[in-house]
Structures are given as C-alpha cells and as structure tokens.
C-alpha cells in the first residue's frame, strides 16, 4: 500500500492545478472538467485528489456561507497565556464547531481565533469556560459587525498547465 504524501513534499503541476481549479471554481467542479483543463485523465485527477485529501493537503471541500444568514454573529478573540498552554486551549477550540479559525500568532497575544455565537450570553459563557483553565492571562474580544471577506482560498498564480 502506498503511503500518503506528507505535507512538506513538493506538489507537482497536476496537484497544484487541481488545487487551483477547486479554489477558483469550487469543490463541485466535475473531475472531467479538471482533467480537461490540466490535460490529464479523469483517473489521474481522481487518484491525485484522493491522495491530496488523504495526506491533508486538502483538508475539506466545503461550501462557504455568510454566517449571519444562519443567525450567527462572529467574534475575533485574542488570547495571552500566563504560562505555556496553547495546546490545551487549541484542543478545546478544535472540538468546538463554533470555532471556525484558530492560529498561534506573534505580538502581544499568543493565539487568535474566530468564534460564532447566537447571542451575547453564549459568547460570555464560552469566554468564561476558557478562563477557568487558569493558564490565560488576558483575552481581548472583538465582535464582528460585518463580514466583508469570507474566503478560504489561496492567492495561487496560474500554473503552466492551465
């Protein structure tokens, strides 16, 4: 059995092309269209896409929606730790489907994440649940007033194969 490709390995033109097409045209692009654009067989594109997903280069193929249309408000929450503990908090965030983005950051804070909530009580309860870990020195919370750019796309340049 062939082992899945590790993230650090370089992508070739076909892999890069599949990713670019999916990011540009969406996850519902037929494999036949991708194959045609790349000059590859449908079988090759299918195998490559499966490998990209298995190796976590492509982590998911999902629709991108406007959270407010579903009754959600958003908040950007910054966290500063008293002591090392980002991993413990990241485990909590990873399990909560209301957290749609999280990253370790540089600067005054150690962690930034986006949290979706239905009302202020839910937001307050969530922040308090993090504070009981006792490893957080401080948080700063910003309520998102308007979603201006919602995209999970990379600004990839055109490849030679397109």
C-alpha atoms as a PDB file:
ATOM      1  CA  UNK A   1       0.000   0.000   0.000  1.00  0.00           C
ATOM      2  CA  UNK A   2       1.350   3.390  -0.973  1.00  0.00           C
ATOM      3  CA  UNK A   3       1.809   5.781   1.952  1.00  0.00           C
ATOM      4  CA  UNK A   4       0.042   9.149   1.701  1.00  0.00           C
ATOM      5  CA  UNK A   5       2.196  12.087   0.678  1.00  0.00           C
ATOM      6  CA  UNK A   6       3.438  14.223   3.553  1.00  0.00           C
ATOM      7  CA  UNK A   7       2.517  17.918   3.602  1.00  0.00           C
ATOM      8  CA  UNK A   8       6.120  19.010   3.206  1.00  0.00           C
ATOM      9  CA  UNK A   9       6.672  17.232  -0.092  1.00  0.00           C
ATOM     10  CA  UNK A  10       6.509  19.457  -3.131  1.00  0.00           C
ATOM     11  CA  UNK A  11       3.368  19.393  -5.218  1.00  0.00           C
ATOM     12  CA  UNK A  12       3.743  18.826  -8.933  1.00  0.00           C
ATOM     13  CA  UNK A  13       1.914  20.733 -11.676  1.00  0.00           C
ATOM     14  CA  UNK A  14      -1.084  18.392 -11.664  1.00  0.00           C
ATOM     15  CA  UNK A  15      -1.550  18.608  -7.872  1.00  0.00           C
ATOM     16  CA  UNK A  16      -1.104  22.369  -7.974  1.00  0.00           C
ATOM     17  CA  UNK A  17      -3.564  22.620 -10.880  1.00  0.00           C
ATOM     18  CA  UNK A  18      -6.231  20.552  -9.094  1.00  0.00           C
ATOM     19  CA  UNK A  19      -5.970  22.771  -6.017  1.00  0.00           C
ATOM     20  CA  UNK A  20      -6.049  25.981  -8.063  1.00  0.00           C
ATOM     21  CA  UNK A  21      -9.114  24.876 -10.035  1.00  0.00           C
ATOM     22  CA  UNK A  22     -11.008  23.788  -6.907  1.00  0.00           C
ATOM     23  CA  UNK A  23     -10.181  27.069  -5.164  1.00  0.00           C
ATOM     24  CA  UNK A  24     -11.132  29.128  -8.191  1.00  0.00           C
ATOM     25  CA  UNK A  25     -14.228  27.267  -9.383  1.00  0.00           C
ATOM     26  CA  UNK A  26     -15.385  25.455  -6.251  1.00  0.00           C
ATOM     27  CA  UNK A  27     -15.460  21.934  -4.918  1.00  0.00           C
ATOM     28  CA  UNK A  28     -18.281  20.867  -7.221  1.00  0.00           C
ATOM     29  CA  UNK A  29     -16.149  21.195 -10.351  1.00  0.00           C
ATOM     30  CA  UNK A  30     -16.523  17.890 -12.226  1.00  0.00           C
ATOM     31  CA  UNK A  31     -13.389  15.752 -12.392  1.00  0.00           C
ATOM     32  CA  UNK A  32     -13.838  15.638 -16.170  1.00  0.00           C
ATOM     33  CA  UNK A  33     -13.550  19.458 -16.333  1.00  0.00           C
ATOM     34  CA  UNK A  34     -10.452  19.437 -14.127  1.00  0.00           C
ATOM     35  CA  UNK A  35      -8.886  16.685 -16.237  1.00  0.00           C
ATOM     36  CA  UNK A  36      -9.608  18.575 -19.448  1.00  0.00           C
ATOM     37  CA  UNK A  37      -8.119  21.822 -18.106  1.00  0.00           C
ATOM     38  CA  UNK A  38      -4.985  20.006 -16.934  1.00  0.00           C
ATOM     39  CA  UNK A  39      -4.574  17.717 -19.937  1.00  0.00           C
ATOM     40  CA  UNK A  40      -4.765  14.651 -17.684  1.00  0.00           C
ATOM     41  CA  UNK A  41      -7.050  11.629 -17.495  1.00  0.00           C
ATOM     42  CA  UNK A  42     -10.054  11.560 -15.182  1.00  0.00           C
ATOM     43  CA  UNK A  43      -8.499   8.580 -13.381  1.00  0.00           C
ATOM     44  CA  UNK A  44      -5.291  10.532 -12.729  1.00  0.00           C
ATOM     45  CA  UNK A  45      -7.218  13.520 -11.369  1.00  0.00           C
ATOM     46  CA  UNK A  46      -9.388  11.272  -9.176  1.00  0.00           C
ATOM     47  CA  UNK A  47      -6.331   9.460  -7.753  1.00  0.00           C
ATOM     48  CA  UNK A  48      -4.434  12.721  -7.178  1.00  0.00           C
ATOM     49  CA  UNK A  49      -7.438  14.350  -5.476  1.00  0.00           C
ATOM     50  CA  UNK A  50      -7.880  11.314  -3.198  1.00  0.00           C
ATOM     51  CA  UNK A  51      -4.170  11.493  -2.276  1.00  0.00           C
ATOM     52  CA  UNK A  52      -4.361  15.250  -1.617  1.00  0.00           C
ATOM     53  CA  UNK A  53      -7.289  14.645   0.744  1.00  0.00           C
ATOM     54  CA  UNK A  54      -5.722  11.595   2.431  1.00  0.00           C
ATOM     55  CA  UNK A  55      -2.459  13.474   3.044  1.00  0.00           C
ATOM     56  CA  UNK A  56      -4.373  16.504   4.412  1.00  0.00           C
ATOM     57  CA  UNK A  57      -3.032  18.883   1.764  1.00  0.00           C
ATOM     58  CA  UNK A  58      -6.732  19.432   1.022  1.00  0.00           C
ATOM     59  CA  UNK A  59      -8.393  19.271   4.416  1.00  0.00           C
ATOM     60  CA  UNK A  60     -12.015  19.506   3.307  1.00  0.00           C
ATOM     61  CA  UNK A  61     -14.229  20.512   0.402  1.00  0.00           C
ATOM     62  CA  UNK A  62     -16.969  22.707   1.851  1.00  0.00           C
ATOM     63  CA  UNK A  63     -19.379  25.500   0.900  1.00  0.00           C
ATOM     64  CA  UNK A  64     -18.534  28.982   2.183  1.00  0.00           C
ATOM     65  CA  UNK A  65     -21.587  30.680   3.651  1.00  0.00           C
ATOM     66  CA  UNK A  66     -22.486  34.019   5.224  1.00  0.00           C
ATOM     67  CA  UNK A  67     -22.773  33.246   8.988  1.00  0.00           C
ATOM     68  CA  UNK A  68     -25.364  35.967   9.674  1.00  0.00           C
ATOM     69  CA  UNK A  69     -27.832  34.295   7.276  1.00  0.00           C
ATOM     70  CA  UNK A  70     -27.941  31.431   9.782  1.00  0.00           C
ATOM     71  CA  UNK A  71     -28.359  33.648  12.835  1.00  0.00           C
ATOM     72  CA  UNK A  72     -24.702  33.706  13.869  1.00  0.00           C
ATOM     73  CA  UNK A  73     -22.643  36.662  14.992  1.00  0.00           C
ATOM     74  CA  UNK A  74     -18.883  36.451  14.898  1.00  0.00           C
ATOM     75  CA  UNK A  75     -16.132  37.440  17.261  1.00  0.00           C
ATOM     76  CA  UNK A  76     -12.386  37.661  16.938  1.00  0.00           C
ATOM     77  CA  UNK A  77     -10.827  36.617  20.226  1.00  0.00           C
ATOM     78  CA  UNK A  78      -7.179  37.191  21.115  1.00  0.00           C
ATOM     79  CA  UNK A  79      -5.594  35.256  23.978  1.00  0.00           C
ATOM     80  CA  UNK A  80      -2.445  35.848  26.018  1.00  0.00           C
ATOM     81  CA  UNK A  81      -1.214  32.978  28.190  1.00  0.00           C
ATOM     82  CA  UNK A  82       0.309  33.246  31.676  1.00  0.00           C
ATOM     83  CA  UNK A  83       2.273  30.100  31.052  1.00  0.00           C
ATOM     84  CA  UNK A  84       2.688  27.642  28.212  1.00  0.00           C
ATOM     85  CA  UNK A  85      -0.678  26.125  27.477  1.00  0.00           C
ATOM     86  CA  UNK A  86      -1.702  26.936  23.949  1.00  0.00           C
ATOM     87  CA  UNK A  87      -2.015  23.231  23.132  1.00  0.00           C
ATOM     88  CA  UNK A  88      -4.618  22.678  25.858  1.00  0.00           C
ATOM     89  CA  UNK A  89      -6.713  25.621  24.650  1.00  0.00           C
ATOM     90  CA  UNK A  90      -6.271  24.593  20.991  1.00  0.00           C
ATOM     91  CA  UNK A  91      -7.669  21.151  21.881  1.00  0.00           C
ATOM     92  CA  UNK A  92     -10.755  22.847  23.347  1.00  0.00           C
ATOM     93  CA  UNK A  93     -11.147  25.083  20.292  1.00  0.00           C
ATOM     94  CA  UNK A  94     -10.684  22.218  17.851  1.00  0.00           C
ATOM     95  CA  UNK A  95     -13.576  20.296  19.438  1.00  0.00           C
ATOM     96  CA  UNK A  96     -15.993  23.246  19.288  1.00  0.00           C
ATOM     97  CA  UNK A  97     -17.745  23.600  15.900  1.00  0.00           C
ATOM     98  CA  UNK A  98     -18.430  27.283  16.633  1.00  0.00           C
ATOM     99  CA  UNK A  99     -14.691  27.988  16.272  1.00  0.00           C
ATOM    100  CA  UNK A 100     -14.119  28.445  12.544  1.00  0.00           C
ATOM    101  CA  UNK A 101     -10.483  29.587  12.618  1.00  0.00           C
ATOM    102  CA  UNK A 102      -7.635  29.473  15.137  1.00  0.00           C
ATOM    103  CA  UNK A 103      -3.933  30.281  14.862  1.00  0.00           C
ATOM    104  CA  UNK A 104      -0.912  30.873  17.070  1.00  0.00           C
ATOM    105  CA  UNK A 105       0.239  34.445  16.440  1.00  0.00           C
ATOM    106  CA  UNK A 106       3.142  36.770  17.163  1.00  0.00           C
ATOM    107  CA  UNK A 107       2.966  40.046  19.036  1.00  0.00           C
ATOM    108  CA  UNK A 108       1.144  40.992  22.215  1.00  0.00           C
ATOM    109  CA  UNK A 109      -1.094  37.896  22.085  1.00  0.00           C
ATOM    110  CA  UNK A 110      -0.330  34.213  21.649  1.00  0.00           C
ATOM    111  CA  UNK A 111      -3.485  32.970  19.950  1.00  0.00           C
ATOM    112  CA  UNK A 112      -6.243  34.377  17.729  1.00  0.00           C
ATOM    113  CA  UNK A 113      -9.494  32.682  16.776  1.00  0.00           C
ATOM    114  CA  UNK A 114     -12.915  33.378  15.289  1.00  0.00           C
ATOM    115  CA  UNK A 115     -15.918  32.184  17.284  1.00  0.00           C
ATOM    116  CA  UNK A 116     -19.544  32.117  16.082  1.00  0.00           C
ATOM    117  CA  UNK A 117     -22.336  32.749  18.577  1.00  0.00           C
ATOM    118  CA  UNK A 118     -26.117  33.277  18.593  1.00  0.00           C
ATOM    119  CA  UNK A 119     -26.291  35.750  21.480  1.00  0.00           C
ATOM    120  CA  UNK A 120     -24.034  37.598  23.908  1.00  0.00           C
ATOM    121  CA  UNK A 121     -24.776  35.160  26.724  1.00  0.00           C
ATOM    122  CA  UNK A 122     -23.345  32.329  24.608  1.00  0.00           C
ATOM    123  CA  UNK A 123     -20.228  34.382  23.857  1.00  0.00           C
ATOM    124  CA  UNK A 124     -19.744  35.277  27.533  1.00  0.00           C
ATOM    125  CA  UNK A 125     -20.226  31.670  28.634  1.00  0.00           C
ATOM    126  CA  UNK A 126     -17.665  30.469  26.106  1.00  0.00           C
ATOM    127  CA  UNK A 127     -15.015  33.006  27.148  1.00  0.00           C
ATOM    128  CA  UNK A 128     -15.592  32.156  30.810  1.00  0.00           C
ATOM    129  CA  UNK A 129     -15.166  28.455  30.013  1.00  0.00           C
ATOM    130  CA  UNK A 130     -11.704  29.248  28.627  1.00  0.00           C
ATOM    131  CA  UNK A 131     -10.730  31.414  31.582  1.00  0.00           C
ATOM    132  CA  UNK A 132     -11.307  28.553  34.043  1.00  0.00           C
ATOM    133  CA  UNK A 133      -8.283  26.795  32.530  1.00  0.00           C
ATOM    134  CA  UNK A 134      -6.273  29.313  34.629  1.00  0.00           C
ATOM    135  CA  UNK A 135      -3.496  29.461  32.047  1.00  0.00           C
ATOM    136  CA  UNK A 136      -4.953  32.522  30.303  1.00  0.00           C
ATOM    137  CA  UNK A 137      -3.668  35.883  31.425  1.00  0.00           C
ATOM    138  CA  UNK A 138      -5.942  38.010  29.270  1.00  0.00           C
ATOM    139  CA  UNK A 139      -8.343  37.977  26.340  1.00  0.00           C
ATOM    140  CA  UNK A 140      -9.484  40.717  24.004  1.00  0.00           C
ATOM    141  CA  UNK A 141     -12.749  40.165  22.173  1.00  0.00           C
ATOM    142  CA  UNK A 142     -13.924  41.999  19.084  1.00  0.00           C
ATOM    143  CA  UNK A 143     -17.465  41.478  17.815  1.00  0.00           C
ATOM    144  CA  UNK A 144     -17.567  41.284  14.028  1.00  0.00           C
ATOM    145  CA  UNK A 145     -20.041  43.888  12.779  1.00  0.00           C
ATOM    146  CA  UNK A 146     -19.953  42.934   9.107  1.00  0.00           C
ATOM    147  CA  UNK A 147     -18.411  40.045   7.203  1.00  0.00           C
ATOM    148  CA  UNK A 148     -16.541  41.767   4.386  1.00  0.00           C
ATOM    149  CA  UNK A 149     -14.366  38.988   3.022  1.00  0.00           C
ATOM    150  CA  UNK A 150     -15.187  35.352   3.588  1.00  0.00           C
ATOM    151  CA  UNK A 151     -12.901  33.063   1.690  1.00  0.00           C
ATOM    152  CA  UNK A 152     -10.779  30.092   2.286  1.00  0.00           C
ATOM    153  CA  UNK A 153      -8.796  30.471  -0.883  1.00  0.00           C
ATOM    154  CA  UNK A 154      -5.128  30.899  -1.532  1.00  0.00           C
ATOM    155  CA  UNK A 155      -3.991  33.560  -3.976  1.00  0.00           C
ATOM    156  CA  UNK A 156      -2.426  30.973  -6.285  1.00  0.00           C
ATOM    157  CA  UNK A 157      -0.969  32.099  -9.580  1.00  0.00           C
ATOM    158  CA  UNK A 158      -1.842  30.403 -12.819  1.00  0.00           C
ATOM    159  CA  UNK A 159       0.232  27.266 -13.355  1.00  0.00           C
ATOM    160  CA  UNK A 160       1.852  26.253 -16.618  1.00  0.00           C
ATOM    161  CA  UNK A 161      -0.761  23.550 -17.119  1.00  0.00           C
ATOM    162  CA  UNK A 162      -3.769  25.851 -17.310  1.00  0.00           C
END
